[in-house]
Amino acid sequence: MQGVLTGFAVIAVVIGVGYVLGRRGHLGDDSRTVLTRLAFHVASPALLFTTLAGADLSVVFSQRLLVTAAGTAVAAALFVTVGLVRGWDTGQLTIGALCSSYVNAGNLGIPIAVYVLGDASLVAPVLLFQQIVVTPLALTILDLSRPGERRSLWQRLTTPLRNPMAAGSLAGVTVAATGWTIPAPALEPLTLIGNMSVPAVLLAFGISLRGSGMPARGDNRPAIVLSATLKTTAQPLIAWGIGAGVFHLHGAALLDVVVTSALPAAQNLYTYASQYRVAEQLARESILLSTLVSVPVLITIAALLG
């Protein structure tokens, strides 16, 4: 329980600082845009590269990852199914599917893994899966759905390589797969730049809350409520059902997959929405709502399965 509270407290403080900066205008009118672009084009790709370059890729083939992948796919598919019936556009479907299934495994998942699960490395499978598979796929869809001139087949196939977030992930995986050790003089600047990613994302998110009312209001309310409900309730239940019923996980292993699946939507999803200028309200308010709801959900899971 301490890990849950610690993780949320850290995030709340940094978002709060961003909110104050936004209200007082200390960083100027374009502060949110600058921070978002900094995170998307520079800091986050560096963080993804340095994280994955030193990762143990054997965790990708673990049973726990299969449970996480299945839960992610089902939660995202449920949102897309409802969205298609209601006629939502591609941007809203993509961002909503991410908000329904993409967990905050980094800045929140790590402290919770340490204090609740007892091992920070337990979030590695979901972190790798999201960075290697989910992020490149979603950003490719957003790239290809942009209005403009028709793209050639070669341009479509190489879209992930031209996206800085996807390129950083793929480059990191390549280094890890080859077993190459990056010299410290080359790695340290990338690490320093990557360390700006999480603060920049959280500050930009806080600035975006300036002038916002309570979440899940207005025309986007159905999509916001649906994505937050899928993220905080459906996804952990799906993970529990698949983990216990299909893979026969129990004890600490089952607690691990359910807790990681119950983490709220990651703040960097707002960066994606803002960068592509699609479904920004949906991303912002779904992240906020799922973060608020996930606190009692995580405490309940820790009490029942811990």
Protein backbone atom coordinates (compact mmCIF):
# COMPACT_ATOMS: atom_id res chain seq x y z
CA MET A 1 0.00 0.00 0.00
CA GLN A 2 2.91 2.34 0.74
CA GLY A 3 4.17 1.92 -2.83
CA VAL A 4 0.78 2.89 -4.26
CA LEU A 5 0.62 6.05 -2.16
CA THR A 6 4.27 6.95 -2.81
CA GLY A 7 3.95 6.58 -6.56
CA PHE A 8 0.79 8.66 -6.77
CA ALA A 9 2.21 11.32 -4.44
CA VAL A 10 5.28 11.83 -6.65
CA ILE A 11 3.17 12.15 -9.80
CA ALA A 12 0.66 14.49 -8.12
CA VAL A 13 3.38 16.87 -6.92
CA VAL A 14 5.01 17.22 -10.35
CA ILE A 15 1.66 17.65 -12.12
CA GLY A 16 0.74 20.23 -9.47
CA VAL A 17 3.91 22.18 -10.21
CA GLY A 18 2.98 22.15 -13.90
CA TYR A 19 -0.50 23.40 -13.09
CA VAL A 20 0.87 26.31 -11.04
CA LEU A 21 3.33 27.20 -13.79
CA GLY A 22 0.48 27.17 -16.29
CA ARG A 23 -1.76 29.41 -14.19
CA ARG A 24 1.00 31.93 -13.48
CA GLY A 25 2.34 31.88 -17.05
CA HIS A 26 5.98 31.69 -15.97
CA LEU A 27 6.98 29.61 -19.01
CA GLY A 28 4.98 31.56 -21.58
CA ASP A 29 1.96 30.77 -23.72
CA ASP A 30 3.70 28.00 -25.69
CA SER A 31 5.13 26.18 -22.67
CA ARG A 32 2.92 23.10 -23.06
CA THR A 33 3.75 22.80 -26.75
CA VAL A 34 7.49 23.19 -26.14
CA LEU A 35 7.54 20.61 -23.34
CA THR A 36 5.46 18.20 -25.40
CA ARG A 37 7.78 18.50 -28.40
CA LEU A 38 10.84 18.19 -26.17
CA ALA A 39 9.46 14.95 -24.69
CA PHE A 40 8.29 13.51 -28.01
CA HIS A 41 11.23 14.34 -30.27
CA VAL A 42 14.20 14.29 -27.87
CA ALA A 43 13.82 13.16 -24.26
CA SER A 44 11.46 10.19 -24.58
CA PRO A 45 13.31 8.60 -27.53
CA ALA A 46 16.54 8.90 -25.52
CA LEU A 47 14.87 7.33 -22.47
CA LEU A 48 13.43 4.48 -24.52
CA PHE A 49 16.79 3.83 -26.16
CA THR A 50 18.81 3.77 -22.93
CA THR A 51 16.19 1.66 -21.14
CA LEU A 52 15.92 -0.97 -23.85
CA ALA A 53 19.61 -1.02 -24.79
CA GLY A 54 20.44 -2.55 -21.41
CA ALA A 55 17.33 -4.69 -21.02
CA ASP A 56 17.15 -8.48 -20.79
CA LEU A 57 14.99 -9.37 -23.79
CA SER A 58 14.33 -12.86 -22.42
CA VAL A 59 11.55 -11.36 -20.29
CA VAL A 60 9.57 -10.81 -23.49
CA PHE A 61 8.81 -14.53 -23.67
CA SER A 62 7.57 -14.95 -20.08
CA GLN A 63 4.09 -16.17 -19.16
CA ARG A 64 3.44 -12.92 -17.35
CA LEU A 65 3.99 -10.98 -20.54
CA LEU A 66 1.52 -13.20 -22.41
CA VAL A 67 -1.11 -12.40 -19.77
CA THR A 68 -0.31 -8.68 -20.01
CA ALA A 69 -0.40 -8.74 -23.82
CA ALA A 70 -3.74 -10.56 -23.85
CA GLY A 71 -5.26 -8.16 -21.32
CA THR A 72 -3.99 -5.17 -23.29
CA ALA A 73 -5.38 -6.50 -26.56
CA VAL A 74 -8.81 -7.34 -25.12
CA ALA A 75 -9.22 -3.98 -23.34
CA ALA A 76 -8.17 -2.06 -26.46
CA ALA A 77 -10.43 -4.18 -28.68
CA LEU A 78 -13.42 -3.51 -26.44
CA PHE A 79 -12.93 0.24 -26.78
CA VAL A 80 -12.45 0.02 -30.56
CA THR A 81 -15.57 -2.13 -30.92
CA VAL A 82 -17.74 0.37 -29.06
CA GLY A 83 -16.08 3.26 -30.90
CA LEU A 84 -16.75 1.75 -34.31
CA VAL A 85 -20.42 1.28 -33.43
CA ARG A 86 -20.64 4.93 -32.32
CA GLY A 87 -18.75 6.20 -35.39
CA TRP A 88 -15.67 7.64 -33.69
CA ASP A 89 -12.79 8.65 -35.95
CA THR A 90 -9.39 6.94 -36.23
CA GLY A 91 -7.60 9.37 -33.92
CA GLN A 92 -10.19 8.99 -31.18
CA LEU A 93 -10.24 5.22 -31.58
CA THR A 94 -6.43 5.00 -31.36
CA ILE A 95 -5.98 7.33 -28.39
CA GLY A 96 -9.00 5.84 -26.62
CA ALA A 97 -7.70 2.30 -27.12
CA LEU A 98 -4.35 3.36 -25.66
CA CYS A 99 -6.02 5.03 -22.67
CA SER A 100 -8.00 1.81 -22.12
CA SER A 101 -4.98 -0.49 -22.05
CA TYR A 102 -1.58 1.28 -21.90
CA VAL A 103 -0.42 1.23 -18.27
CA ASN A 104 1.82 3.68 -16.43
CA ALA A 105 4.61 1.13 -15.99
CA GLY A 106 7.44 3.65 -15.75
CA ASN A 107 7.19 6.48 -13.26
CA LEU A 108 4.29 4.89 -11.31
CA GLY A 109 4.79 1.20 -11.99
CA ILE A 110 8.37 1.11 -10.70
CA PRO A 111 7.69 2.42 -7.15
CA ILE A 112 4.58 0.25 -6.87
CA ALA A 113 6.58 -2.78 -8.02
CA VAL A 114 9.19 -2.03 -5.36
CA TYR A 115 6.85 -1.46 -2.43
CA VAL A 116 3.90 -3.73 -3.31
CA LEU A 117 5.51 -6.54 -5.34
CA GLY A 118 8.98 -6.37 -3.83
CA ASP A 119 10.90 -6.30 -7.14
CA ALA A 120 11.22 -3.37 -9.57
CA SER A 121 12.15 -5.71 -12.44
CA LEU A 122 8.63 -7.18 -12.44
CA VAL A 123 7.37 -4.24 -14.50
CA ALA A 124 10.01 -4.88 -17.17
CA PRO A 125 7.87 -7.23 -19.32
CA VAL A 126 4.98 -4.80 -19.66
CA LEU A 127 7.38 -1.88 -20.14
CA LEU A 128 9.17 -3.70 -22.96
CA PHE A 129 5.94 -4.89 -24.57
CA GLN A 130 4.48 -1.40 -24.63
CA GLN A 131 7.67 0.19 -25.96
CA ILE A 132 8.47 -2.47 -28.56
CA VAL A 133 4.99 -3.39 -29.82
CA VAL A 134 2.19 -1.07 -28.68
CA THR A 135 3.86 2.33 -29.12
CA PRO A 136 5.24 1.77 -32.65
CA LEU A 137 1.91 0.25 -33.76
CA ALA A 138 -0.22 3.07 -32.36
CA LEU A 139 2.04 5.85 -33.63
CA THR A 140 2.16 4.25 -37.07
CA ILE A 141 -1.65 4.25 -37.18
CA LEU A 142 -1.68 7.93 -36.17
CA ASP A 143 0.95 8.76 -38.79
CA LEU A 144 -0.89 6.95 -41.58
CA SER A 145 -4.26 8.47 -40.65
CA ARG A 146 -2.98 12.04 -40.97
CA PRO A 147 -4.69 13.99 -43.76
CA GLY A 148 -2.48 14.95 -46.68
CA GLU A 149 -0.95 13.56 -49.79
CA ARG A 150 -1.09 9.85 -50.57
CA ARG A 151 1.93 7.92 -49.34
CA SER A 152 3.75 5.26 -51.29
CA LEU A 153 3.95 1.67 -50.06
CA TRP A 154 7.60 2.23 -49.08
CA GLN A 155 6.68 5.33 -47.06
CA ARG A 156 3.95 3.40 -45.26
CA LEU A 157 6.25 0.47 -44.46
CA THR A 158 8.99 2.73 -43.11
CA THR A 159 6.67 4.94 -41.03
CA PRO A 160 7.84 3.48 -37.68
CA LEU A 161 11.48 4.19 -38.59
CA ARG A 162 10.69 7.87 -39.13
CA ASN A 163 8.88 8.30 -35.81
CA PRO A 164 11.32 9.38 -33.05
CA MET A 165 9.60 7.36 -30.29
CA ALA A 166 9.43 4.18 -32.34
CA ALA A 167 12.94 4.69 -33.71
CA GLY A 168 14.35 5.05 -30.20
CA SER A 169 12.65 1.84 -29.09
CA LEU A 170 13.76 -0.15 -32.13
CA ALA A 171 17.34 1.12 -31.84
CA GLY A 172 17.47 0.13 -28.18
CA VAL A 173 16.15 -3.36 -28.91
CA THR A 174 18.74 -3.78 -31.65
CA VAL A 175 21.57 -2.89 -29.25
CA ALA A 176 20.21 -5.27 -26.60
CA ALA A 177 19.83 -8.10 -29.12
CA THR A 178 23.40 -7.75 -30.36
CA GLY A 179 24.81 -7.63 -26.84
CA TRP A 180 26.84 -4.53 -27.63
CA THR A 181 27.87 -2.40 -24.65
CA ILE A 182 27.63 1.31 -25.39
CA PRO A 183 30.72 3.23 -24.22
CA ALA A 184 30.01 5.38 -21.15
CA PRO A 185 30.98 8.69 -22.84
CA ALA A 186 28.30 8.03 -25.47
CA LEU A 187 25.66 6.66 -23.09
CA GLU A 188 25.82 9.28 -20.34
CA PRO A 189 24.59 12.24 -22.45
CA LEU A 190 21.69 10.12 -23.70
CA THR A 191 20.85 9.12 -20.13
CA LEU A 192 20.93 12.75 -19.01
CA ILE A 193 18.63 13.79 -21.86
CA GLY A 194 16.32 10.83 -21.22
CA ASN A 195 15.95 11.85 -17.58
CA MET A 196 14.03 14.92 -18.78
CA SER A 197 11.27 12.78 -20.29
CA VAL A 198 9.05 11.99 -17.30
CA PRO A 199 9.26 15.49 -15.73
CA ALA A 200 8.55 17.13 -19.09
CA VAL A 201 5.52 14.91 -19.71
CA LEU A 202 4.11 15.48 -16.21
CA LEU A 203 4.71 19.23 -16.31
CA ALA A 204 3.05 19.52 -19.74
CA PHE A 205 0.12 17.49 -18.43
CA GLY A 206 -0.20 19.79 -15.41
CA ILE A 207 -0.07 22.91 -17.60
CA SER A 208 -2.85 21.43 -19.78
CA LEU A 209 -5.15 21.25 -16.75
CA ARG A 210 -5.26 25.05 -16.50
CA GLY A 211 -8.86 26.09 -17.01
CA SER A 212 -10.10 22.49 -17.13
CA GLY A 213 -13.15 21.42 -15.16
CA MET A 214 -13.96 18.05 -13.71
CA PRO A 215 -13.10 15.16 -16.07
CA ALA A 216 -15.69 13.32 -18.17
CA ARG A 217 -17.80 16.32 -19.05
CA GLY A 218 -18.94 17.48 -22.49
CA ASP A 219 -19.24 15.66 -25.79
CA ASN A 220 -16.34 13.28 -25.10
CA ARG A 221 -17.84 11.98 -21.88
CA PRO A 222 -18.84 8.51 -23.23
CA ALA A 223 -15.35 7.86 -24.59
CA ILE A 224 -13.64 9.17 -21.44
CA VAL A 225 -15.78 7.12 -19.07
CA LEU A 226 -15.48 4.01 -21.26
CA SER A 227 -11.68 4.17 -21.51
CA ALA A 228 -11.20 4.88 -17.79
CA THR A 229 -13.56 2.04 -16.85
CA LEU A 230 -11.81 -0.41 -19.14
CA LYS A 231 -8.40 0.66 -17.83
CA THR A 232 -9.10 0.53 -14.10
CA THR A 233 -11.69 -2.26 -13.90
CA ALA A 234 -11.91 -4.41 -17.01
CA GLN A 235 -8.19 -4.82 -17.73
CA PRO A 236 -7.21 -6.09 -14.24
CA LEU A 237 -10.23 -8.43 -14.24
CA ILE A 238 -9.22 -9.74 -17.67
CA ALA A 239 -5.63 -10.24 -16.46
CA TRP A 240 -6.88 -12.08 -13.37
CA GLY A 241 -9.14 -14.33 -15.45
CA ILE A 242 -6.46 -15.18 -18.03
CA GLY A 243 -3.69 -15.49 -15.46
CA ALA A 244 -5.59 -17.78 -13.09
CA GLY A 245 -7.80 -19.62 -15.57
CA VAL A 246 -5.51 -20.09 -18.57
CA PHE A 247 -1.96 -19.98 -17.22
CA HIS A 248 -2.80 -21.20 -13.70
CA LEU A 249 -0.85 -18.42 -12.02
CA HIS A 250 -1.31 -17.94 -8.29
CA GLY A 251 0.23 -16.13 -5.35
CA ALA A 252 2.89 -13.53 -6.16
CA ALA A 253 2.82 -14.22 -9.92
CA LEU A 254 -0.91 -13.57 -10.13
CA LEU A 255 -0.64 -10.48 -7.92
CA ASP A 256 2.06 -9.15 -10.25
CA VAL A 257 0.01 -9.32 -13.46
CA VAL A 258 -3.16 -8.00 -11.85
CA VAL A 259 -1.44 -5.06 -10.14
CA THR A 260 0.44 -4.03 -13.30
CA SER A 261 -2.77 -4.30 -15.33
CA ALA A 262 -4.60 -2.08 -12.83
CA LEU A 263 -2.11 0.78 -13.16
CA PRO A 264 -3.72 3.91 -14.64
CA ALA A 265 -3.18 5.15 -18.17
CA ALA A 266 0.32 6.55 -18.74
CA GLN A 267 0.80 10.31 -18.92
CA ASN A 268 2.86 10.05 -22.11
CA LEU A 269 -0.35 9.16 -23.97
CA TYR A 270 -1.29 12.81 -23.67
CA THR A 271 2.02 13.63 -25.36
CA TYR A 272 1.04 11.45 -28.32
CA ALA A 273 -2.41 13.03 -28.58
CA SER A 274 -0.99 16.54 -28.30
CA GLN A 275 1.77 15.88 -30.83
CA TYR A 276 -0.71 14.57 -33.42
CA ARG A 277 -3.44 17.04 -32.37
CA VAL A 278 -6.06 14.33 -32.00
CA ALA A 279 -8.36 13.49 -29.06
CA GLU A 280 -6.41 15.70 -26.65
CA GLN A 281 -9.34 16.14 -24.26
CA LEU A 282 -10.00 12.41 -24.30
CA ALA A 283 -6.37 11.65 -23.44
CA ARG A 284 -6.04 14.32 -20.75
CA GLU A 285 -9.28 13.56 -18.93
CA SER A 286 -9.11 9.78 -19.31
CA ILE A 287 -5.61 9.76 -17.81
CA LEU A 288 -6.74 11.99 -14.94
CA LEU A 289 -9.89 9.96 -14.25
CA SER A 290 -8.14 6.58 -14.43
CA THR A 291 -5.39 7.86 -12.12
CA LEU A 292 -7.95 8.95 -9.51
CA VAL A 293 -9.97 5.72 -9.73
CA SER A 294 -6.95 3.42 -9.74
CA VAL A 295 -5.91 4.43 -6.20
CA PRO A 296 -8.73 2.54 -4.42
CA VAL A 297 -8.57 -0.21 -7.05
CA LEU A 298 -4.87 -0.89 -6.43
CA ILE A 299 -5.31 -0.78 -2.67
CA THR A 300 -8.19 -3.29 -2.93
CA ILE A 301 -6.16 -5.64 -5.16
CA ALA A 302 -3.17 -5.47 -2.80
CA ALA A 303 -5.45 -6.28 0.13
CA LEU A 304 -7.22 -9.21 -1.60
CA LEU A 305 -4.32 -10.87 -3.39
CA GLY A 306 -1.34 -9.70 -1.33
